[in-house]
């Protein structure tokens, strides 16, 4: 990678980190430059203004998320977990999605917070992230129909509960600042699994 590309990426990653912590409006280009270890003049060499930098942050962030929520990692986890009973299979998927999100939490926070105010981000999410997320959701539903012998409607309901569990945990911990221990998370997941067991009739 060229030095210029390395520098540009450092600035983008610094912007993602600071915007996730403070929000776009409260983050200055001077703060971003300092975090990236460059001068503000260098920052403006690559990005003509703060809005241009935000557009690059959004582009990089969406690409980063898509690489993690793409079907390949999900398929790999499904393949490894297929022999498990349905509740354990579901637990494995929830855990894998949580780990994926936590590895990319800064950009997830930027998306969750800034999508409320930024039309460009809404467009990027709508055009690129939503279709990929729907594909992943549909794959999970097909597997649930196969493994648990449930209807399409039931599989859709179960997949929504799974997604809701992941989003609730992320919002509580990283947006609202409510700490959740591993034991508490396990209990939450196990409570969800109790609902699944009753729905699919599996003990």
N, C-alpha and C. Protein backbone atom coordinates (compact mmCIF):
# COMPACT_ATOMS: atom_id res chain seq x y z
N UNK A 1 0.84 -1.19 0.00
CA UNK A 1 0.00 0.00 0.00
C UNK A 1 0.88 1.25 0.00
N UNK A 2 0.57 2.21 -0.86
CA UNK A 2 1.34 3.44 -0.94
C UNK A 2 1.23 4.24 0.34
N UNK A 3 2.26 5.08 0.58
CA UNK A 3 2.26 5.89 1.79
C UNK A 3 1.04 6.80 1.86
N UNK A 4 0.65 7.34 0.71
CA UNK A 4 -0.51 8.23 0.67
C UNK A 4 -1.79 7.48 1.06
N UNK A 5 -1.90 6.22 0.62
CA UNK A 5 -3.08 5.42 0.96
C UNK A 5 -3.09 5.08 2.45
N UNK A 6 -1.90 4.80 3.00
CA UNK A 6 -1.77 4.51 4.43
C UNK A 6 -2.22 5.72 5.25
N UNK A 7 -1.73 6.90 4.85
CA UNK A 7 -2.08 8.14 5.56
C UNK A 7 -3.58 8.41 5.48
N UNK A 8 -4.13 8.25 4.29
CA UNK A 8 -5.57 8.49 4.11
C UNK A 8 -6.38 7.53 4.97
N UNK A 9 -5.97 6.28 5.01
CA UNK A 9 -6.69 5.28 5.81
C UNK A 9 -6.58 5.59 7.30
N UNK A 10 -5.41 6.06 7.74
CA UNK A 10 -5.23 6.43 9.14
C UNK A 10 -6.18 7.55 9.53
N UNK A 11 -6.37 8.51 8.64
CA UNK A 11 -7.28 9.62 8.90
C UNK A 11 -8.72 9.12 8.98
N UNK A 12 -9.09 8.24 8.05
CA UNK A 12 -10.46 7.69 8.05
C UNK A 12 -10.72 6.90 9.32
N UNK A 13 -9.77 6.05 9.72
CA UNK A 13 -9.95 5.25 10.92
C UNK A 13 -10.01 6.12 12.17
N UNK A 14 -9.21 7.19 12.20
CA UNK A 14 -9.26 8.14 13.33
C UNK A 14 -10.62 8.83 13.38
N UNK A 15 -11.14 9.18 12.21
CA UNK A 15 -12.45 9.82 12.14
C UNK A 15 -13.54 8.87 12.64
N UNK A 16 -13.48 7.62 12.22
CA UNK A 16 -14.46 6.62 12.67
C UNK A 16 -14.43 6.51 14.20
N UNK A 17 -13.24 6.42 14.76
CA UNK A 17 -13.10 6.28 16.22
C UNK A 17 -13.69 7.47 16.95
N UNK A 18 -13.35 8.68 16.53
CA UNK A 18 -13.79 9.88 17.25
C UNK A 18 -15.27 10.17 17.03
N UNK A 19 -15.76 9.95 15.82
CA UNK A 19 -17.18 10.18 15.55
C UNK A 19 -18.03 9.19 16.33
N UNK A 20 -17.53 7.95 16.47
CA UNK A 20 -18.28 6.95 17.24
C UNK A 20 -18.35 7.34 18.72
N UNK A 21 -17.33 8.05 19.20
CA UNK A 21 -17.29 8.46 20.61
C UNK A 21 -18.06 9.75 20.87
N UNK A 22 -17.93 10.71 19.95
CA UNK A 22 -18.44 12.06 20.21
C UNK A 22 -19.55 12.52 19.27
N UNK A 23 -19.79 11.77 18.20
CA UNK A 23 -20.74 12.22 17.19
C UNK A 23 -20.05 13.11 16.16
N UNK A 24 -20.65 13.21 14.98
CA UNK A 24 -20.05 13.97 13.88
C UNK A 24 -19.94 15.45 14.22
N UNK A 25 -21.03 16.03 14.73
CA UNK A 25 -21.07 17.48 14.98
C UNK A 25 -20.02 17.92 16.00
N UNK A 26 -19.76 17.09 16.99
CA UNK A 26 -18.84 17.46 18.06
C UNK A 26 -17.39 17.10 17.77
N UNK A 27 -17.13 16.48 16.64
CA UNK A 27 -15.77 16.07 16.28
C UNK A 27 -15.18 17.06 15.30
N UNK A 28 -14.02 17.61 15.61
CA UNK A 28 -13.38 18.59 14.73
C UNK A 28 -12.30 17.93 13.88
N UNK A 29 -11.98 18.58 12.79
CA UNK A 29 -10.90 18.07 11.93
C UNK A 29 -9.56 18.12 12.66
N UNK A 30 -9.39 19.09 13.55
CA UNK A 30 -8.15 19.17 14.33
C UNK A 30 -8.00 17.95 15.23
N UNK A 31 -9.10 17.53 15.85
CA UNK A 31 -9.07 16.35 16.71
C UNK A 31 -8.76 15.09 15.89
N UNK A 32 -9.37 15.01 14.72
CA UNK A 32 -9.14 13.84 13.86
C UNK A 32 -7.69 13.78 13.41
N UNK A 33 -7.14 14.92 13.01
CA UNK A 33 -5.74 14.97 12.57
C UNK A 33 -4.81 14.54 13.70
N UNK A 34 -5.07 15.02 14.91
CA UNK A 34 -4.24 14.67 16.07
C UNK A 34 -4.31 13.17 16.34
N UNK A 35 -5.52 12.61 16.28
CA UNK A 35 -5.70 11.17 16.53
C UNK A 35 -4.97 10.35 15.47
N UNK A 36 -4.95 10.85 14.23
CA UNK A 36 -4.30 10.14 13.13
C UNK A 36 -2.79 10.34 13.11
N UNK A 37 -2.31 11.29 13.92
CA UNK A 37 -0.87 11.56 13.95
C UNK A 37 -0.37 12.36 12.77
N UNK A 38 -1.25 13.19 12.22
CA UNK A 38 -0.87 14.06 11.09
C UNK A 38 -1.29 15.49 11.41
N UNK A 39 -0.81 16.42 10.59
CA UNK A 39 -1.22 17.81 10.76
C UNK A 39 -2.60 18.02 10.14
N UNK A 40 -3.28 19.09 10.55
CA UNK A 40 -4.58 19.39 9.96
C UNK A 40 -4.41 19.73 8.48
N UNK A 41 -3.26 20.33 8.14
CA UNK A 41 -2.99 20.65 6.73
C UNK A 41 -2.92 19.37 5.90
N UNK A 42 -2.32 18.33 6.46
CA UNK A 42 -2.24 17.04 5.77
C UNK A 42 -3.63 16.45 5.58
N UNK A 43 -4.46 16.57 6.61
CA UNK A 43 -5.83 16.08 6.50
C UNK A 43 -6.54 16.75 5.33
N UNK A 44 -6.39 18.07 5.22
CA UNK A 44 -7.07 18.79 4.15
C UNK A 44 -6.44 18.55 2.77
N UNK A 45 -5.26 17.98 2.77
CA UNK A 45 -4.64 17.57 1.50
C UNK A 45 -5.41 16.41 0.88
N UNK A 46 -5.94 15.54 1.74
CA UNK A 46 -6.68 14.36 1.28
C UNK A 46 -8.19 14.58 1.23
N UNK A 47 -8.68 15.46 2.10
CA UNK A 47 -10.12 15.71 2.18
C UNK A 47 -10.34 17.22 2.23
N UNK A 48 -11.06 17.74 1.25
CA UNK A 48 -11.16 19.20 1.14
C UNK A 48 -11.89 19.85 2.30
N UNK A 49 -12.79 19.08 2.95
CA UNK A 49 -13.50 19.60 4.12
C UNK A 49 -14.01 18.43 4.95
N UNK A 50 -14.63 18.78 6.07
CA UNK A 50 -15.11 17.76 7.00
C UNK A 50 -16.21 16.90 6.37
N UNK A 51 -17.05 17.50 5.56
CA UNK A 51 -18.14 16.75 4.93
C UNK A 51 -17.60 15.71 3.96
N UNK A 52 -16.57 16.07 3.22
CA UNK A 52 -15.93 15.12 2.29
C UNK A 52 -15.34 13.95 3.07
N UNK A 53 -14.72 14.26 4.21
CA UNK A 53 -14.17 13.20 5.06
C UNK A 53 -15.28 12.28 5.55
N UNK A 54 -16.42 12.86 5.95
CA UNK A 54 -17.54 12.04 6.41
C UNK A 54 -18.01 11.09 5.32
N UNK A 55 -18.06 11.58 4.07
CA UNK A 55 -18.47 10.72 2.96
C UNK A 55 -17.53 9.54 2.81
N UNK A 56 -16.23 9.77 2.99
CA UNK A 56 -15.26 8.68 2.90
C UNK A 56 -15.39 7.73 4.09
N UNK A 57 -15.70 8.28 5.25
CA UNK A 57 -15.93 7.45 6.43
C UNK A 57 -17.11 6.52 6.19
N UNK A 58 -18.18 7.08 5.65
CA UNK A 58 -19.37 6.28 5.36
C UNK A 58 -19.07 5.19 4.35
N UNK A 59 -18.37 5.56 3.28
CA UNK A 59 -18.01 4.59 2.24
C UNK A 59 -17.15 3.46 2.82
N UNK A 60 -16.13 3.83 3.59
CA UNK A 60 -15.24 2.83 4.19
C UNK A 60 -15.98 1.99 5.22
N UNK A 61 -16.84 2.65 5.99
CA UNK A 61 -17.57 1.94 7.04
C UNK A 61 -18.54 0.92 6.48
N UNK A 62 -19.28 1.31 5.46
CA UNK A 62 -20.24 0.39 4.85
C UNK A 62 -19.50 -0.80 4.24
N UNK A 63 -18.38 -0.53 3.58
CA UNK A 63 -17.57 -1.62 3.01
C UNK A 63 -17.07 -2.56 4.10
N UNK A 64 -16.62 -1.97 5.21
CA UNK A 64 -16.11 -2.76 6.33
C UNK A 64 -17.21 -3.65 6.92
N UNK A 65 -18.39 -3.10 7.11
CA UNK A 65 -19.50 -3.88 7.66
C UNK A 65 -19.91 -4.98 6.70
N UNK A 66 -20.01 -4.64 5.43
CA UNK A 66 -20.44 -5.62 4.44
C UNK A 66 -19.49 -6.80 4.38
N UNK A 67 -18.21 -6.54 4.57
CA UNK A 67 -17.23 -7.64 4.53
C UNK A 67 -17.43 -8.59 5.70
N UNK A 68 -18.07 -8.09 6.78
CA UNK A 68 -18.30 -8.91 7.97
C UNK A 68 -19.68 -9.56 7.97
N UNK A 69 -20.68 -8.88 7.40
CA UNK A 69 -22.03 -9.46 7.39
C UNK A 69 -22.32 -10.19 6.09
N UNK A 70 -21.30 -10.27 5.23
CA UNK A 70 -21.47 -10.99 3.97
C UNK A 70 -21.83 -12.45 4.25
N UNK A 71 -22.31 -13.12 3.22
CA UNK A 71 -22.80 -14.49 3.40
C UNK A 71 -21.71 -15.50 3.71
N UNK A 72 -20.48 -15.26 3.23
CA UNK A 72 -19.42 -16.26 3.42
C UNK A 72 -19.14 -16.57 4.90
N UNK A 73 -18.90 -15.54 5.76
CA UNK A 73 -18.66 -15.87 7.17
C UNK A 73 -19.86 -16.57 7.81
N UNK A 74 -21.07 -16.14 7.45
CA UNK A 74 -22.27 -16.76 7.99
C UNK A 74 -22.38 -18.22 7.55
N UNK A 75 -22.10 -18.48 6.27
CA UNK A 75 -22.16 -19.84 5.75
C UNK A 75 -21.14 -20.74 6.44
N UNK A 76 -19.96 -20.17 6.70
CA UNK A 76 -18.91 -20.95 7.37
C UNK A 76 -19.35 -21.35 8.78
N UNK A 77 -19.97 -20.41 9.49
CA UNK A 77 -20.45 -20.70 10.84
C UNK A 77 -21.59 -21.71 10.82
N UNK A 78 -22.50 -21.57 9.85
CA UNK A 78 -23.61 -22.51 9.72
C UNK A 78 -23.09 -23.92 9.46
N UNK A 79 -22.09 -24.03 8.58
CA UNK A 79 -21.52 -25.34 8.25
C UNK A 79 -20.92 -26.00 9.48
N UNK A 80 -20.23 -25.20 10.32
CA UNK A 80 -19.61 -25.74 11.53
C UNK A 80 -20.64 -26.14 12.58
N UNK A 81 -21.81 -25.47 12.55
CA UNK A 81 -22.80 -25.64 13.61
C UNK A 81 -23.98 -26.52 13.23
N UNK A 82 -24.01 -27.03 12.00
CA UNK A 82 -25.19 -27.74 11.51
C UNK A 82 -25.55 -28.98 12.33
N UNK A 83 -24.55 -29.63 12.93
CA UNK A 83 -24.82 -30.85 13.68
C UNK A 83 -25.44 -30.58 15.05
N UNK A 84 -25.41 -29.33 15.48
CA UNK A 84 -25.96 -28.99 16.79
C UNK A 84 -27.48 -29.06 16.78
N UNK A 85 -28.07 -29.27 17.95
CA UNK A 85 -29.51 -29.16 18.07
C UNK A 85 -29.92 -27.72 17.78
N UNK A 86 -31.16 -27.53 17.39
CA UNK A 86 -31.59 -26.21 16.93
C UNK A 86 -31.32 -25.10 17.94
N UNK A 87 -31.65 -25.24 19.23
CA UNK A 87 -31.35 -24.15 20.17
C UNK A 87 -29.87 -23.80 20.24
N UNK A 88 -29.01 -24.83 20.25
CA UNK A 88 -27.57 -24.59 20.29
C UNK A 88 -27.08 -23.97 18.98
N UNK A 89 -27.69 -24.38 17.89
CA UNK A 89 -27.38 -23.80 16.58
C UNK A 89 -27.70 -22.31 16.58
N UNK A 90 -28.87 -21.96 17.11
CA UNK A 90 -29.29 -20.56 17.18
C UNK A 90 -28.35 -19.77 18.09
N UNK A 91 -27.98 -20.36 19.23
CA UNK A 91 -27.05 -19.70 20.14
C UNK A 91 -25.72 -19.42 19.46
N UNK A 92 -25.25 -20.38 18.66
CA UNK A 92 -24.00 -20.21 17.93
C UNK A 92 -24.08 -19.03 16.96
N UNK A 93 -25.22 -18.92 16.27
CA UNK A 93 -25.39 -17.82 15.31
C UNK A 93 -25.44 -16.48 16.02
N UNK A 94 -26.17 -16.41 17.14
CA UNK A 94 -26.25 -15.15 17.89
C UNK A 94 -24.86 -14.73 18.36
N UNK A 95 -24.11 -15.68 18.90
CA UNK A 95 -22.76 -15.39 19.39
C UNK A 95 -21.85 -14.90 18.25
N UNK A 96 -21.93 -15.57 17.11
CA UNK A 96 -21.07 -15.19 15.97
C UNK A 96 -21.40 -13.79 15.49
N UNK A 97 -22.69 -13.44 15.41
CA UNK A 97 -23.09 -12.10 14.97
C UNK A 97 -22.67 -11.04 15.98
N UNK A 98 -22.76 -11.36 17.28
CA UNK A 98 -22.32 -10.41 18.31
C UNK A 98 -20.82 -10.17 18.23
N UNK A 99 -20.05 -11.23 18.05
CA UNK A 99 -18.59 -11.10 17.94
C UNK A 99 -18.23 -10.26 16.73
N UNK A 100 -18.93 -10.49 15.61
CA UNK A 100 -18.68 -9.72 14.41
C UNK A 100 -18.95 -8.23 14.67
N UNK A 101 -20.07 -7.94 15.32
CA UNK A 101 -20.44 -6.55 15.57
C UNK A 101 -19.46 -5.87 16.53
N UNK A 102 -19.04 -6.60 17.57
CA UNK A 102 -18.13 -6.01 18.55
C UNK A 102 -16.76 -5.73 17.96
N UNK A 103 -16.34 -6.54 17.00
CA UNK A 103 -15.05 -6.29 16.33
C UNK A 103 -15.10 -5.00 15.51
N UNK A 104 -16.29 -4.62 15.10
CA UNK A 104 -16.46 -3.44 14.25
C UNK A 104 -17.35 -2.40 14.92
N UNK A 105 -17.27 -2.32 16.26
CA UNK A 105 -18.25 -1.53 17.00
C UNK A 105 -18.17 -0.04 16.70
N UNK A 106 -16.98 0.49 16.45
CA UNK A 106 -16.88 1.93 16.17
C UNK A 106 -17.70 2.33 14.96
N UNK A 107 -17.56 1.56 13.88
CA UNK A 107 -18.30 1.92 12.67
C UNK A 107 -19.79 1.61 12.83
N UNK A 108 -20.12 0.57 13.59
CA UNK A 108 -21.53 0.30 13.86
C UNK A 108 -22.16 1.48 14.62
N UNK A 109 -21.43 2.04 15.59
CA UNK A 109 -21.95 3.18 16.34
C UNK A 109 -22.14 4.39 15.43
N UNK A 110 -21.19 4.61 14.54
CA UNK A 110 -21.34 5.72 13.59
C UNK A 110 -22.60 5.54 12.77
N UNK A 111 -22.81 4.32 12.27
CA UNK A 111 -24.00 4.05 11.45
C UNK A 111 -25.28 4.22 12.26
N UNK A 112 -25.32 3.62 13.45
CA UNK A 112 -26.54 3.67 14.27
C UNK A 112 -26.92 5.09 14.67
N UNK A 113 -25.91 5.91 14.96
CA UNK A 113 -26.18 7.28 15.41
C UNK A 113 -26.38 8.24 14.24
N UNK A 114 -25.46 8.21 13.28
CA UNK A 114 -25.48 9.23 12.22
C UNK A 114 -26.54 8.99 11.16
N UNK A 115 -27.06 7.76 11.07
CA UNK A 115 -28.09 7.49 10.06
C UNK A 115 -29.35 8.34 10.31
N UNK A 116 -29.52 8.78 11.55
CA UNK A 116 -30.67 9.62 11.89
C UNK A 116 -30.58 11.00 11.25
N UNK A 117 -29.36 11.44 10.96
CA UNK A 117 -29.17 12.81 10.50
C UNK A 117 -28.57 12.94 9.10
N UNK A 118 -28.06 11.83 8.56
CA UNK A 118 -27.29 11.93 7.32
C UNK A 118 -27.98 11.20 6.18
N UNK A 119 -28.42 11.95 5.18
CA UNK A 119 -29.14 11.36 4.04
C UNK A 119 -28.24 10.46 3.20
N UNK A 120 -26.95 10.83 3.09
CA UNK A 120 -26.02 10.00 2.31
C UNK A 120 -25.87 8.62 2.97
N UNK A 121 -25.75 8.62 4.29
CA UNK A 121 -25.62 7.35 5.01
C UNK A 121 -26.88 6.51 4.85
N UNK A 122 -28.04 7.14 4.93
CA UNK A 122 -29.30 6.42 4.73
C UNK A 122 -29.32 5.76 3.36
N UNK A 123 -28.85 6.50 2.34
CA UNK A 123 -28.83 5.98 0.97
C UNK A 123 -27.88 4.78 0.86
N UNK A 124 -26.68 4.91 1.45
CA UNK A 124 -25.70 3.83 1.39
C UNK A 124 -26.22 2.58 2.10
N UNK A 125 -26.83 2.78 3.25
CA UNK A 125 -27.37 1.64 4.01
C UNK A 125 -28.51 0.99 3.24
N UNK A 126 -29.39 1.83 2.67
CA UNK A 126 -30.55 1.31 1.94
C UNK A 126 -30.13 0.53 0.70
N UNK A 127 -29.14 1.05 -0.02
CA UNK A 127 -28.76 0.44 -1.30
C UNK A 127 -27.79 -0.73 -1.14
N UNK A 128 -26.94 -0.70 -0.12
CA UNK A 128 -25.88 -1.71 -0.02
C UNK A 128 -26.04 -2.66 1.16
N UNK A 129 -26.33 -2.11 2.34
CA UNK A 129 -26.36 -2.95 3.54
C UNK A 129 -27.65 -3.73 3.69
N UNK A 130 -28.78 -3.08 3.41
CA UNK A 130 -30.07 -3.74 3.61
C UNK A 130 -30.21 -5.00 2.75
N UNK A 131 -29.89 -4.95 1.45
CA UNK A 131 -30.00 -6.18 0.65
C UNK A 131 -29.13 -7.32 1.17
N UNK A 132 -27.89 -7.02 1.60
CA UNK A 132 -26.99 -8.06 2.12
C UNK A 132 -27.52 -8.63 3.43
N UNK A 133 -28.03 -7.74 4.27
CA UNK A 133 -28.59 -8.19 5.55
C UNK A 133 -29.80 -9.08 5.31
N UNK A 134 -30.63 -8.72 4.34
CA UNK A 134 -31.81 -9.53 4.01
C UNK A 134 -31.40 -10.90 3.49
N UNK A 135 -30.34 -10.96 2.70
CA UNK A 135 -29.86 -12.25 2.20
C UNK A 135 -29.41 -13.15 3.34
N UNK A 136 -28.69 -12.55 4.31
CA UNK A 136 -28.23 -13.32 5.47
C UNK A 136 -29.43 -13.81 6.29
N UNK A 137 -30.41 -12.93 6.48
CA UNK A 137 -31.61 -13.28 7.24
C UNK A 137 -32.37 -14.42 6.55
N UNK A 138 -32.49 -14.35 5.23
CA UNK A 138 -33.20 -15.39 4.49
C UNK A 138 -32.48 -16.73 4.56
N UNK A 139 -31.15 -16.69 4.56
CA UNK A 139 -30.37 -17.92 4.68
C UNK A 139 -30.64 -18.57 6.04
N UNK A 140 -30.62 -17.77 7.10
CA UNK A 140 -30.90 -18.29 8.44
C UNK A 140 -32.30 -18.90 8.49
N UNK A 141 -33.26 -18.23 7.88
CA UNK A 141 -34.64 -18.73 7.89
C UNK A 141 -34.76 -20.07 7.16
N UNK A 142 -34.07 -20.22 6.03
CA UNK A 142 -34.11 -21.49 5.30
C UNK A 142 -33.53 -22.63 6.14
N UNK A 143 -32.43 -22.33 6.83
CA UNK A 143 -31.81 -23.35 7.68
C UNK A 143 -32.73 -23.72 8.84
N UNK A 144 -33.38 -22.71 9.44
CA UNK A 144 -34.31 -22.99 10.55
C UNK A 144 -35.48 -23.85 10.08
N UNK A 145 -36.00 -23.56 8.89
CA UNK A 145 -37.10 -24.35 8.35
C UNK A 145 -36.67 -25.81 8.16
N UNK A 146 -35.42 -25.98 7.71
CA UNK A 146 -34.89 -27.32 7.47
C UNK A 146 -34.60 -28.06 8.77
N UNK A 147 -33.91 -27.39 9.71
CA UNK A 147 -33.47 -28.05 10.94
C UNK A 147 -34.63 -28.29 11.91
N UNK A 148 -35.49 -27.28 12.05
CA UNK A 148 -36.53 -27.36 13.08
C UNK A 148 -37.88 -27.76 12.52
N UNK A 149 -37.95 -27.90 11.19
CA UNK A 149 -39.20 -28.28 10.54
C UNK A 149 -40.34 -27.33 10.94
N UNK A 150 -40.06 -26.02 10.81
CA UNK A 150 -41.08 -25.01 11.12
C UNK A 150 -41.52 -24.33 9.83
N UNK A 151 -42.63 -23.62 9.91
CA UNK A 151 -43.14 -22.91 8.74
C UNK A 151 -42.28 -21.71 8.41
N UNK A 152 -42.50 -21.16 7.22
CA UNK A 152 -41.77 -19.96 6.80
C UNK A 152 -42.05 -18.80 7.75
N UNK A 153 -43.31 -18.64 8.15
CA UNK A 153 -43.67 -17.55 9.07
C UNK A 153 -42.98 -17.71 10.41
N UNK A 154 -42.93 -18.95 10.92
CA UNK A 154 -42.26 -19.20 12.19
C UNK A 154 -40.77 -18.91 12.09
N UNK A 155 -40.15 -19.33 10.99
CA UNK A 155 -38.72 -19.08 10.79
C UNK A 155 -38.43 -17.58 10.72
N UNK A 156 -39.31 -16.84 10.07
CA UNK A 156 -39.15 -15.38 10.01
C UNK A 156 -39.24 -14.76 11.39
N UNK A 157 -40.19 -15.25 12.19
CA UNK A 157 -40.33 -14.74 13.55
C UNK A 157 -39.11 -15.03 14.40
N UNK A 158 -38.59 -16.24 14.28
CA UNK A 158 -37.40 -16.62 15.04
C UNK A 158 -36.19 -15.80 14.62
N UNK A 159 -36.03 -15.56 13.32
CA UNK A 159 -34.88 -14.77 12.86
C UNK A 159 -34.99 -13.33 13.35
N UNK A 160 -36.21 -12.78 13.43
CA UNK A 160 -36.38 -11.42 13.93
C UNK A 160 -36.00 -11.33 15.41
N UNK A 161 -36.35 -12.38 16.17
CA UNK A 161 -35.98 -12.41 17.59
C UNK A 161 -34.45 -12.45 17.73
N UNK A 162 -33.80 -13.23 16.89
CA UNK A 162 -32.33 -13.31 16.91
C UNK A 162 -31.71 -11.95 16.64
N UNK A 163 -32.18 -11.29 15.58
CA UNK A 163 -31.64 -9.98 15.21
C UNK A 163 -31.92 -8.97 16.32
N UNK A 164 -33.13 -9.03 16.88
CA UNK A 164 -33.49 -8.12 17.97
C UNK A 164 -32.60 -8.30 19.19
N UNK A 165 -32.25 -9.55 19.49
CA UNK A 165 -31.37 -9.84 20.62
C UNK A 165 -30.00 -9.19 20.42
N UNK A 166 -29.45 -9.34 19.23
CA UNK A 166 -28.14 -8.76 18.92
C UNK A 166 -28.20 -7.24 18.99
N UNK A 167 -29.20 -6.63 18.36
CA UNK A 167 -29.30 -5.17 18.34
C UNK A 167 -29.54 -4.61 19.74
N UNK A 168 -30.38 -5.27 20.53
CA UNK A 168 -30.66 -4.80 21.90
C UNK A 168 -29.39 -4.78 22.73
N UNK A 169 -28.60 -5.84 22.63
CA UNK A 169 -27.34 -5.92 23.38
C UNK A 169 -26.40 -4.79 22.95
N UNK A 170 -26.26 -4.58 21.65
CA UNK A 170 -25.34 -3.56 21.15
C UNK A 170 -25.78 -2.16 21.58
N UNK A 171 -27.08 -1.87 21.48
CA UNK A 171 -27.58 -0.54 21.85
C UNK A 171 -27.42 -0.31 23.35
N UNK A 172 -27.76 -1.33 24.15
CA UNK A 172 -27.62 -1.19 25.60
C UNK A 172 -26.17 -0.90 26.00
N UNK A 173 -25.25 -1.67 25.44
CA UNK A 173 -23.86 -1.58 25.87
C UNK A 173 -23.12 -0.40 25.26
N UNK A 174 -23.32 -0.18 23.96
CA UNK A 174 -22.47 0.79 23.27
C UNK A 174 -23.12 2.14 22.99
N UNK A 175 -24.43 2.21 23.02
CA UNK A 175 -25.11 3.49 22.82
C UNK A 175 -25.59 4.05 24.15
N UNK A 176 -26.21 3.21 24.98
CA UNK A 176 -26.73 3.66 26.27
C UNK A 176 -25.71 3.53 27.40
N UNK A 177 -24.64 2.78 27.16
CA UNK A 177 -23.59 2.64 28.17
C UNK A 177 -23.95 1.72 29.32
N UNK A 178 -24.91 0.80 29.09
CA UNK A 178 -25.31 -0.15 30.13
C UNK A 178 -24.44 -1.39 30.01
N UNK A 179 -23.55 -1.58 30.97
CA UNK A 179 -22.63 -2.71 30.92
C UNK A 179 -23.37 -4.03 31.13
N UNK A 180 -23.03 -5.01 30.34
CA UNK A 180 -23.63 -6.34 30.45
C UNK A 180 -22.51 -7.36 30.59
N UNK A 181 -22.51 -8.10 31.68
CA UNK A 181 -21.47 -9.12 31.90
C UNK A 181 -21.73 -10.32 31.00
N UNK A 182 -20.72 -11.17 30.90
CA UNK A 182 -20.87 -12.40 30.11
C UNK A 182 -21.98 -13.28 30.67
N UNK A 183 -22.06 -13.34 32.01
CA UNK A 183 -23.11 -14.15 32.64
C UNK A 183 -24.50 -13.61 32.30
N UNK A 184 -24.63 -12.28 32.33
CA UNK A 184 -25.93 -11.66 32.02
C UNK A 184 -26.29 -11.90 30.55
N UNK A 185 -25.29 -11.80 29.68
CA UNK A 185 -25.53 -12.05 28.27
C UNK A 185 -25.96 -13.49 28.04
N UNK A 186 -25.28 -14.41 28.72
CA UNK A 186 -25.65 -15.83 28.60
C UNK A 186 -27.10 -16.06 29.04
N UNK A 187 -27.48 -15.40 30.14
CA UNK A 187 -28.85 -15.55 30.63
C UNK A 187 -29.86 -15.01 29.62
N UNK A 188 -29.52 -13.86 29.01
CA UNK A 188 -30.41 -13.27 28.00
C UNK A 188 -30.58 -14.21 26.81
N UNK A 189 -29.46 -14.76 26.34
CA UNK A 189 -29.52 -15.67 25.21
C UNK A 189 -30.30 -16.93 25.58
N UNK A 190 -30.07 -17.44 26.78
CA UNK A 190 -30.78 -18.65 27.21
C UNK A 190 -32.29 -18.40 27.35
N UNK A 191 -32.67 -17.19 27.76
CA UNK A 191 -34.10 -16.84 27.82
C UNK A 191 -34.71 -16.85 26.42
N UNK A 192 -33.94 -16.33 25.45
CA UNK A 192 -34.40 -16.36 24.06
C UNK A 192 -34.55 -17.81 23.59
N UNK A 193 -33.60 -18.65 23.98
CA UNK A 193 -33.64 -20.05 23.57
C UNK A 193 -34.84 -20.79 24.15
N UNK A 194 -35.26 -20.40 25.34
CA UNK A 194 -36.46 -21.00 25.93
C UNK A 194 -37.68 -20.73 25.06
N UNK A 195 -37.74 -19.51 24.54
CA UNK A 195 -38.83 -19.15 23.63
C UNK A 195 -38.75 -20.01 22.37
N UNK A 196 -37.54 -20.17 21.83
CA UNK A 196 -37.35 -20.98 20.64
C UNK A 196 -37.79 -22.43 20.88
N UNK A 197 -37.37 -22.97 22.03
CA UNK A 197 -37.69 -24.37 22.33
C UNK A 197 -39.20 -24.60 22.38
N UNK A 198 -39.89 -23.64 22.99
CA UNK A 198 -41.35 -23.76 23.05
C UNK A 198 -41.97 -23.64 21.65
N UNK A 199 -41.38 -22.74 20.84
CA UNK A 199 -41.93 -22.52 19.49
C UNK A 199 -41.74 -23.72 18.60
N UNK A 200 -40.58 -24.40 18.74
CA UNK A 200 -40.29 -25.52 17.83
C UNK A 200 -40.58 -26.87 18.48
N UNK A 201 -40.97 -26.85 19.76
CA UNK A 201 -41.30 -28.09 20.43
C UNK A 201 -40.11 -28.98 20.69
N UNK A 202 -38.95 -28.37 20.91
CA UNK A 202 -37.72 -29.15 21.16
C UNK A 202 -37.24 -28.90 22.57
N UNK A 203 -36.90 -29.98 23.27
CA UNK A 203 -36.41 -29.87 24.65
C UNK A 203 -34.89 -29.87 24.68
